[in-house]
Amino acid sequence: MARPSTLEFLKTESGAGALLAVAAIAAIVLANSPWAASYFRFIDYPIAVRVGAFDQNRSVLSWTRDGLMAVFFLIVGLEIKFEVLRGEFSSPRRLALPILAALGGMAGPALVYLAINAGPGGTPGGWPISTPTDVAFSLAALGVFGRRLPESLRLFLLTLAVADDLGAIVLIGVLYSTPIHPTALAGAVMGLAVLAALSRWKTAPRLLYAVGFVLVWAFTLQSGVNTSVAGFACALTVPITARRGGQDNLLKTFMDGLHPYVAYGVLPLFAFVAAGFSLGQVGLRGVLSPVSMGVTFGLLVGKPLGVLGASALAVALRFGRRPMGSNWLELTGVALLCGAGFTMSFFLAALAFPGAGPGAQGALRAAVIAGSMLSVMAGGAILSWARRRRVPVDSNHVQM
């Protein structure tokens, strides 16, 4: 039986997935409506922030991606640390299958993308775009199509998606950091050192952690390192032991306190500002370009093949066990749901092609949406079929 915090996490993510879809649809509708100019003015509207030596002038889209999304990666880091020390990741036997499936789920779409972009006119550098899984969107889809299926499938998908997010953070840190500014980077490292020291103070005010997070983020933003790395690194400094004079766990307190705001605020806002594109600017040529086709088929074909292939290999070699009570048909449906890259794919697309024009960015967004939606529809069809196959067996069992 799953621990309560995991069930709460699943419930929150499942509900947030529907809001993500609504935000993305609203963005696409507005971008192709009489209010299109207002939508694009909003996401491109410059906002200047000047505090002492910190001087940044960025668009709403950029502040959302490099500012608010850092809080999302902070949550991811907190969840990973909690799972490693107290939860699902603390059991190597349970951890093996979803971790190997996550690795396969990153390799599969990368290989499909590179195969499509290997020829003339291809752009191999965009291969990371189709590697992530959007945890909120995929869990929401599983909640719709996977009712009455084993709870172990949800835990498998959650663990895989969290591991996927960790892989995405590594890729972002390695591939998408701009020229480094040593002074700012040193400031971020010193801030992390202070946060690590603060974790030894059992009664440290929570406000100090908040100030520390903001300072590390600000230094990282100016250092050239992507701020997703700052969010994840800050999470690792938060103590998991109970504070003196009480039973509250600071890590879990931050995780549970911030998670609803991220799930229902940050991620839908990012989907709204990142998903909108003009159909008129994309054109058939953009949709059928090697980059777009690589992203779409990377999500739709590469992702499930990678997840399913790695899972089958892990089970055959006895490195892991299939989720309890599930069968391979159900696991195939879940593997297809992993192709819902959505928010994380938008994030990586903006980093992979920062100088792309509106038409190219629109084609990338269309490819992410197409690959994600086709994956969800295919996975949903298989899970619905699998659910119907279970009903007669369960009914006969009850009658006996």
Protein backbone atom coordinates (compact mmCIF):
# COMPACT_ATOMS: atom_id res chain seq x y z
CA MET A 1 0.00 0.00 0.00
CA ALA A 2 1.33 3.43 -0.91
CA ARG A 3 2.36 5.84 1.80
CA PRO A 4 -0.05 8.80 2.35
CA SER A 5 2.24 11.47 0.96
CA THR A 6 2.58 9.61 -2.32
CA LEU A 7 -1.18 9.27 -2.62
CA GLU A 8 -1.60 12.99 -1.93
CA PHE A 9 1.06 13.75 -4.55
CA LEU A 10 -0.74 11.58 -7.10
CA LYS A 11 -4.06 13.25 -6.32
CA THR A 12 -2.64 16.76 -6.71
CA GLU A 13 -0.78 15.95 -9.94
CA SER A 14 -3.80 14.23 -11.46
CA GLY A 15 -5.98 17.27 -10.81
CA ALA A 16 -3.31 19.66 -12.08
CA GLY A 17 -2.99 17.78 -15.38
CA ALA A 18 -6.45 18.90 -16.49
CA LEU A 19 -5.56 22.52 -15.69
CA LEU A 20 -2.37 22.19 -17.77
CA ALA A 21 -4.39 21.03 -20.76
CA VAL A 22 -6.88 23.90 -20.35
CA ALA A 23 -4.02 26.44 -20.11
CA ALA A 24 -2.34 25.10 -23.26
CA ILE A 25 -5.60 25.01 -25.23
CA ALA A 26 -6.40 28.57 -24.12
CA ALA A 27 -2.96 29.71 -25.31
CA ILE A 28 -3.40 28.11 -28.75
CA VAL A 29 -6.92 29.52 -29.15
CA LEU A 30 -5.82 33.03 -28.15
CA ALA A 31 -2.76 32.86 -30.44
CA ASN A 32 -5.06 32.18 -33.39
CA SER A 33 -7.89 34.56 -32.47
CA PRO A 34 -8.56 38.28 -32.94
CA TRP A 35 -6.76 38.73 -29.60
CA ALA A 36 -3.54 37.11 -30.89
CA ALA A 37 -1.58 40.38 -30.83
CA SER A 38 -2.52 40.91 -27.17
CA TYR A 39 -1.47 37.37 -26.26
CA PHE A 40 1.96 37.71 -27.87
CA ARG A 41 2.42 41.19 -26.39
CA PHE A 42 1.71 39.71 -22.97
CA ILE A 43 4.25 36.87 -23.21
CA ASP A 44 6.87 39.21 -24.70
CA TYR A 45 6.19 42.10 -22.30
CA PRO A 46 9.50 43.19 -20.73
CA ILE A 47 9.80 43.37 -16.94
CA ALA A 48 12.89 44.94 -15.41
CA VAL A 49 14.10 43.90 -11.96
CA ARG A 50 16.92 45.89 -10.39
CA VAL A 51 18.12 45.25 -6.84
CA GLY A 52 21.68 46.42 -6.22
CA ALA A 53 24.00 44.59 -8.60
CA PHE A 54 21.13 42.39 -9.80
CA ASP A 55 19.87 43.91 -13.05
CA GLN A 56 17.69 41.82 -15.35
CA ASN A 57 15.22 42.87 -18.04
CA ARG A 58 13.31 39.87 -19.36
CA SER A 59 9.99 39.00 -20.96
CA VAL A 60 7.09 37.40 -19.09
CA LEU A 61 7.92 34.13 -20.87
CA SER A 62 11.58 34.33 -19.82
CA TRP A 63 10.78 35.21 -16.18
CA THR A 64 8.33 32.30 -16.03
CA ARG A 65 10.85 29.87 -17.54
CA ASP A 66 13.94 31.01 -15.66
CA GLY A 67 12.27 32.30 -12.51
CA LEU A 68 9.07 30.53 -11.52
CA MET A 69 10.08 27.20 -13.07
CA ALA A 70 13.07 27.13 -10.72
CA VAL A 71 10.52 26.57 -7.93
CA PHE A 72 9.22 23.56 -9.87
CA PHE A 73 12.71 22.08 -9.98
CA LEU A 74 13.06 22.82 -6.26
CA ILE A 75 9.95 20.68 -5.70
CA VAL A 76 11.40 17.93 -7.93
CA GLY A 77 14.60 17.98 -5.88
CA LEU A 78 12.69 17.81 -2.59
CA GLU A 79 10.60 14.90 -3.84
CA ILE A 80 13.66 12.98 -5.07
CA LYS A 81 15.52 13.51 -1.78
CA PHE A 82 12.47 12.40 0.24
CA GLU A 83 11.95 9.31 -1.92
CA VAL A 84 15.63 8.33 -1.73
CA LEU A 85 15.80 8.64 2.06
CA ARG A 86 12.28 7.68 3.16
CA GLY A 87 10.14 6.56 0.25
CA GLU A 88 10.02 4.45 -2.89
CA PHE A 89 13.64 5.10 -3.87
CA SER A 90 14.89 3.75 -0.54
CA SER A 91 14.18 0.17 -1.70
CA PRO A 92 16.65 -0.85 -4.45
CA ARG A 93 14.34 -3.67 -5.52
CA ARG A 94 11.41 -1.31 -6.10
CA LEU A 95 13.63 1.37 -7.57
CA ALA A 96 15.39 -0.73 -10.21
CA LEU A 97 12.56 -1.15 -12.72
CA PRO A 98 11.32 2.48 -12.95
CA ILE A 99 14.89 3.83 -13.00
CA LEU A 100 15.92 1.50 -15.83
CA ALA A 101 12.63 2.25 -17.61
CA ALA A 102 13.37 5.98 -17.27
CA LEU A 103 16.82 5.52 -18.80
CA GLY A 104 15.32 3.54 -21.66
CA GLY A 105 12.64 6.20 -21.97
CA MET A 106 15.32 8.83 -22.51
CA ALA A 107 17.45 6.78 -24.89
CA GLY A 108 14.54 5.65 -27.10
CA PRO A 109 13.23 9.06 -28.18
CA ALA A 110 16.77 10.41 -28.54
CA LEU A 111 17.62 7.60 -30.99
CA VAL A 112 14.39 8.11 -32.97
CA TYR A 113 14.99 11.87 -33.18
CA LEU A 114 18.62 11.41 -34.26
CA ALA A 115 17.64 8.83 -36.89
CA ILE A 116 15.12 11.25 -38.44
CA ASN A 117 17.57 14.18 -38.29
CA ALA A 118 20.67 12.30 -39.48
CA GLY A 119 20.22 13.28 -43.12
CA PRO A 120 20.50 16.61 -44.95
CA GLY A 121 18.44 19.38 -43.40
CA GLY A 122 18.31 17.67 -40.03
CA THR A 123 19.22 19.32 -36.72
CA PRO A 124 20.64 16.68 -34.33
CA GLY A 125 20.96 19.16 -31.43
CA GLY A 126 17.26 19.00 -30.60
CA TRP A 127 17.29 15.38 -29.39
CA PRO A 128 16.65 16.18 -25.68
CA ILE A 129 13.22 17.74 -26.44
CA SER A 130 11.37 14.42 -26.62
CA THR A 131 13.12 12.74 -23.67
CA PRO A 132 11.09 13.99 -20.63
CA THR A 133 7.70 12.93 -19.25
CA ASP A 134 5.29 15.53 -17.87
CA VAL A 135 4.35 14.01 -14.51
CA ALA A 136 1.13 16.02 -14.06
CA PHE A 137 -0.22 15.40 -17.55
CA SER A 138 0.67 11.67 -17.66
CA LEU A 139 -0.77 11.01 -14.19
CA ALA A 140 -3.94 12.88 -15.07
CA ALA A 141 -4.32 10.71 -18.17
CA LEU A 142 -3.73 7.57 -16.10
CA GLY A 143 -6.36 8.78 -13.64
CA VAL A 144 -8.88 9.04 -16.48
CA PHE A 145 -8.08 5.83 -18.38
CA GLY A 146 -6.60 3.67 -15.62
CA ARG A 147 -9.44 3.55 -13.12
CA ARG A 148 -9.68 0.20 -11.31
CA LEU A 149 -6.22 -0.78 -12.53
CA PRO A 150 -3.53 -1.66 -9.94
CA GLU A 151 -2.23 1.25 -7.84
CA SER A 152 1.27 -0.07 -8.51
CA LEU A 153 1.03 1.29 -12.07
CA ARG A 154 0.57 4.82 -10.72
CA LEU A 155 3.56 4.46 -8.40
CA PHE A 156 5.61 3.08 -11.30
CA LEU A 157 4.67 6.05 -13.50
CA LEU A 158 5.32 8.55 -10.71
CA THR A 159 8.75 7.10 -9.91
CA LEU A 160 9.67 6.93 -13.60
CA ALA A 161 8.57 10.53 -14.20
CA VAL A 162 10.51 11.83 -11.19
CA ALA A 163 13.62 9.98 -12.40
CA ASP A 164 12.95 11.46 -15.85
CA ASP A 165 12.91 14.95 -14.34
CA LEU A 166 16.28 14.28 -12.71
CA GLY A 167 17.65 13.22 -16.09
CA ALA A 168 16.25 16.40 -17.64
CA ILE A 169 18.00 18.52 -14.99
CA VAL A 170 21.30 16.80 -15.81
CA LEU A 171 20.80 17.43 -19.53
CA ILE A 172 19.91 21.08 -18.92
CA GLY A 173 22.94 21.63 -16.70
CA VAL A 174 25.34 19.96 -19.16
CA LEU A 175 23.96 21.10 -22.52
CA TYR A 176 22.22 24.42 -21.99
CA SER A 177 24.39 26.51 -19.75
CA THR A 178 25.61 29.72 -21.41
CA PRO A 179 29.13 31.17 -20.97
CA ILE A 180 29.94 31.04 -17.27
CA HIS A 181 30.50 34.15 -15.14
CA PRO A 182 32.84 32.95 -12.36
CA THR A 183 31.98 35.67 -9.82
CA ALA A 184 28.23 35.01 -9.95
CA LEU A 185 28.82 31.25 -9.92
CA ALA A 186 31.01 31.62 -6.83
CA GLY A 187 28.20 33.58 -5.17
CA ALA A 188 25.74 30.74 -5.92
CA VAL A 189 28.15 28.15 -4.51
CA MET A 190 28.66 30.23 -1.36
CA GLY A 191 24.89 30.56 -0.99
CA LEU A 192 24.51 26.77 -1.20
CA ALA A 193 27.25 26.37 1.41
CA VAL A 194 25.38 28.70 3.77
CA LEU A 195 22.15 26.75 3.22
CA ALA A 196 23.96 23.50 3.93
CA ALA A 197 25.33 24.97 7.16
CA LEU A 198 21.88 26.30 8.03
CA SER A 199 20.50 22.77 7.86
CA ARG A 200 22.47 21.95 11.03
CA TRP A 201 20.61 24.64 12.96
CA LYS A 202 17.60 22.72 14.22
CA THR A 203 15.52 25.81 15.02
CA ALA A 204 16.50 27.95 12.05
CA PRO A 205 13.65 30.25 10.90
CA ARG A 206 12.11 29.13 7.62
CA LEU A 207 12.42 32.67 6.29
CA LEU A 208 16.21 32.22 6.20
CA TYR A 209 15.81 29.27 3.84
CA ALA A 210 13.52 31.33 1.60
CA VAL A 211 16.06 34.17 1.49
CA GLY A 212 18.83 31.66 0.77
CA PHE A 213 16.89 30.10 -2.09
CA VAL A 214 16.27 33.50 -3.67
CA LEU A 215 19.94 34.51 -3.38
CA VAL A 216 21.20 31.24 -4.88
CA TRP A 217 18.67 31.60 -7.72
CA ALA A 218 19.69 35.23 -8.38
CA PHE A 219 23.41 34.40 -8.51
CA THR A 220 22.72 31.38 -10.73
CA LEU A 221 20.60 33.43 -13.14
CA GLN A 222 23.55 35.79 -13.66
CA SER A 223 26.18 33.02 -13.70
CA GLY A 224 25.14 31.42 -16.99
CA VAL A 225 24.08 28.14 -15.39
CA ASN A 226 20.41 27.29 -15.93
CA THR A 227 18.29 28.09 -12.89
CA SER A 228 16.77 24.60 -12.86
CA VAL A 229 20.09 23.42 -11.45
CA ALA A 230 19.83 26.03 -8.67
CA GLY A 231 16.36 24.81 -7.69
CA PHE A 232 17.49 21.19 -7.53
CA ALA A 233 20.71 22.02 -5.66
CA CYS A 234 18.85 24.08 -3.05
CA ALA A 235 16.51 21.15 -2.42
CA LEU A 236 19.44 18.94 -1.47
CA THR A 237 20.38 21.28 1.39
CA VAL A 238 16.99 21.04 3.13
CA PRO A 239 17.16 18.73 6.18
CA ILE A 240 14.83 15.76 6.40
CA THR A 241 15.25 15.14 10.13
CA ALA A 242 12.65 16.44 12.60
CA ARG A 243 13.28 19.92 13.97
CA ARG A 244 14.09 20.41 17.63
CA GLY A 245 11.05 20.84 19.85
CA GLY A 246 8.63 19.31 17.37
CA GLN A 247 7.92 16.52 14.94
CA ASP A 248 7.69 18.62 11.77
CA ASN A 249 9.95 17.57 8.91
CA LEU A 250 11.24 20.71 7.19
CA LEU A 251 11.76 19.01 3.83
CA LYS A 252 8.25 17.58 3.78
CA THR A 253 6.82 20.87 5.06
CA PHE A 254 8.37 22.76 2.14
CA MET A 255 7.39 20.03 -0.32
CA ASP A 256 3.76 19.86 0.76
CA GLY A 257 3.46 23.63 1.19
CA LEU A 258 4.87 24.60 -2.21
CA HIS A 259 3.52 21.75 -4.28
CA PRO A 260 -0.08 22.99 -4.75
CA TYR A 261 1.17 26.45 -5.82
CA VAL A 262 3.49 24.87 -8.39
CA ALA A 263 0.95 22.32 -9.63
CA TYR A 264 -1.95 24.78 -9.88
CA GLY A 265 -0.06 28.01 -10.51
CA VAL A 266 3.46 27.82 -11.91
CA LEU A 267 3.01 24.91 -14.33
CA PRO A 268 -0.31 26.10 -15.84
CA LEU A 269 1.14 29.61 -16.23
CA PHE A 270 4.19 28.19 -18.00
CA ALA A 271 1.96 26.07 -20.24
CA PHE A 272 -0.07 29.19 -21.07
CA VAL A 273 2.92 31.33 -22.02
CA ALA A 274 4.91 28.55 -23.71
CA ALA A 275 2.28 26.64 -25.71
CA GLY A 276 0.76 29.40 -27.84
CA PHE A 277 1.70 29.52 -31.52
CA SER A 278 0.23 30.91 -34.71
CA LEU A 279 -0.93 28.25 -37.15
CA GLY A 280 -0.41 30.69 -40.00
CA GLN A 281 3.29 31.10 -39.17
CA VAL A 282 4.01 27.37 -38.88
CA GLY A 283 2.88 26.07 -42.25
CA LEU A 284 3.03 22.53 -43.61
CA ARG A 285 6.77 22.75 -44.23
CA GLY A 286 7.45 23.49 -40.57
CA VAL A 287 5.22 20.67 -39.37
CA LEU A 288 6.93 18.16 -41.69
CA SER A 289 10.49 19.33 -41.00
CA PRO A 290 12.97 16.76 -39.61
CA VAL A 291 13.03 18.56 -36.25
CA SER A 292 9.25 18.52 -35.85
CA MET A 293 8.93 14.93 -37.03
CA GLY A 294 11.79 13.89 -34.77
CA VAL A 295 10.09 15.43 -31.74
CA THR A 296 6.64 14.00 -32.57
CA PHE A 297 7.82 10.46 -33.30
CA GLY A 298 10.37 10.60 -30.50
CA LEU A 299 7.49 11.08 -28.05
CA LEU A 300 5.00 8.79 -29.79
CA VAL A 301 7.30 5.90 -30.79
CA GLY A 302 10.69 6.28 -29.13
CA LYS A 303 9.44 6.97 -25.61
CA PRO A 304 7.15 3.91 -25.20
CA LEU A 305 9.59 1.60 -26.98
CA GLY A 306 12.40 2.75 -24.70
CA VAL A 307 10.33 2.40 -21.53
CA LEU A 308 8.85 -0.97 -22.49
CA GLY A 309 12.11 -2.37 -23.87
CA ALA A 310 14.11 -1.42 -20.78
CA SER A 311 11.36 -2.78 -18.51
CA ALA A 312 11.24 -6.12 -20.36
CA LEU A 313 15.03 -6.41 -20.22
CA ALA A 314 15.12 -5.58 -16.49
CA VAL A 315 12.43 -8.19 -15.72
CA ALA A 316 14.11 -10.83 -17.92
CA LEU A 317 17.47 -10.28 -16.19
CA ARG A 318 15.71 -10.16 -12.80
CA PHE A 319 16.99 -6.68 -12.02
CA GLY A 320 13.42 -5.66 -11.22
CA ARG A 321 9.88 -6.91 -11.03
CA ARG A 322 6.80 -5.87 -12.96
CA PRO A 323 4.47 -3.58 -10.94
CA MET A 324 2.47 -5.79 -8.58
CA GLY A 325 -0.82 -7.05 -10.03
CA SER A 326 -0.19 -5.58 -13.50
CA ASN A 327 0.31 -7.26 -16.86
CA TRP A 328 2.30 -6.33 -19.96
CA LEU A 329 -0.71 -4.89 -21.78
CA GLU A 330 -1.28 -2.42 -18.95
CA LEU A 331 2.41 -1.60 -18.80
CA THR A 332 2.34 -0.90 -22.55
CA GLY A 333 -0.45 1.63 -21.98
CA VAL A 334 1.53 3.33 -19.22
CA ALA A 335 4.64 3.38 -21.46
CA LEU A 336 2.63 5.22 -24.11
CA LEU A 337 1.45 7.77 -21.54
CA CYS A 338 5.13 8.49 -20.84
CA GLY A 339 5.20 10.12 -24.30
CA ALA A 340 3.32 13.10 -22.84
CA GLY A 341 6.34 15.41 -22.77
CA PHE A 342 4.23 18.56 -22.73
CA THR A 343 5.50 21.18 -20.20
CA MET A 344 9.01 19.76 -19.84
CA SER A 345 9.36 19.38 -23.62
CA PHE A 346 8.29 23.02 -24.08
CA PHE A 347 10.98 23.96 -21.56
CA LEU A 348 13.70 21.99 -23.37
CA ALA A 349 12.58 23.22 -26.80
CA ALA A 350 13.07 26.84 -25.72
CA LEU A 351 16.56 25.99 -24.45
CA ALA A 352 17.57 23.88 -27.47
CA PHE A 353 16.59 26.55 -30.03
CA PRO A 354 16.80 29.91 -28.21
CA GLY A 355 17.26 31.96 -31.38
CA ALA A 356 14.52 30.32 -33.42
CA GLY A 357 11.95 32.60 -35.00
CA PRO A 358 8.19 32.52 -34.31
CA GLY A 359 7.57 30.02 -37.13
CA ALA A 360 10.24 27.57 -35.96
CA GLN A 361 9.18 27.88 -32.31
CA GLY A 362 5.56 27.38 -33.33
CA ALA A 363 6.48 24.22 -35.27
CA LEU A 364 8.31 22.88 -32.20
CA ARG A 365 5.33 23.58 -29.93
CA ALA A 366 2.98 21.96 -32.44
CA ALA A 367 5.25 18.89 -32.58
CA VAL A 368 5.33 18.59 -28.78
CA ILE A 369 1.55 18.89 -28.55
CA ALA A 370 0.98 16.42 -31.40
CA GLY A 371 3.39 13.84 -29.96
CA SER A 372 2.02 14.25 -26.43
CA MET A 373 -1.65 14.06 -27.42
CA LEU A 374 -1.19 11.10 -29.78
CA SER A 375 0.73 9.27 -27.04
CA VAL A 376 -2.04 9.93 -24.51
CA MET A 377 -4.76 8.83 -26.93
CA ALA A 378 -2.90 5.62 -27.84
CA GLY A 379 -2.08 4.88 -24.20
CA GLY A 380 -5.64 5.66 -23.15
CA ALA A 381 -7.06 3.28 -25.77
CA ILE A 382 -4.83 0.43 -24.60
CA LEU A 383 -5.54 1.06 -20.91
CA SER A 384 -9.28 1.20 -21.58
CA TRP A 385 -9.03 -2.12 -23.41
CA ALA A 386 -6.98 -3.59 -20.58
CA ARG A 387 -9.56 -2.37 -18.06
CA ARG A 388 -12.41 -4.03 -19.98
CA ARG A 389 -10.47 -7.29 -20.09
CA ARG A 390 -10.23 -7.22 -16.30
CA VAL A 391 -13.95 -6.70 -15.67
CA PRO A 392 -15.22 -10.22 -16.54
CA VAL A 393 -12.48 -11.80 -14.44
CA ASP A 394 -13.25 -9.58 -11.44
CA SER A 395 -17.02 -10.21 -11.82
CA ASN A 396 -16.59 -13.98 -11.93
CA HIS A 397 -14.35 -13.80 -8.93
CA VAL A 398 -17.01 -11.88 -6.97
CA GLN A 399 -19.73 -14.34 -7.93
CA MET A 400 -17.69 -17.27 -6.68
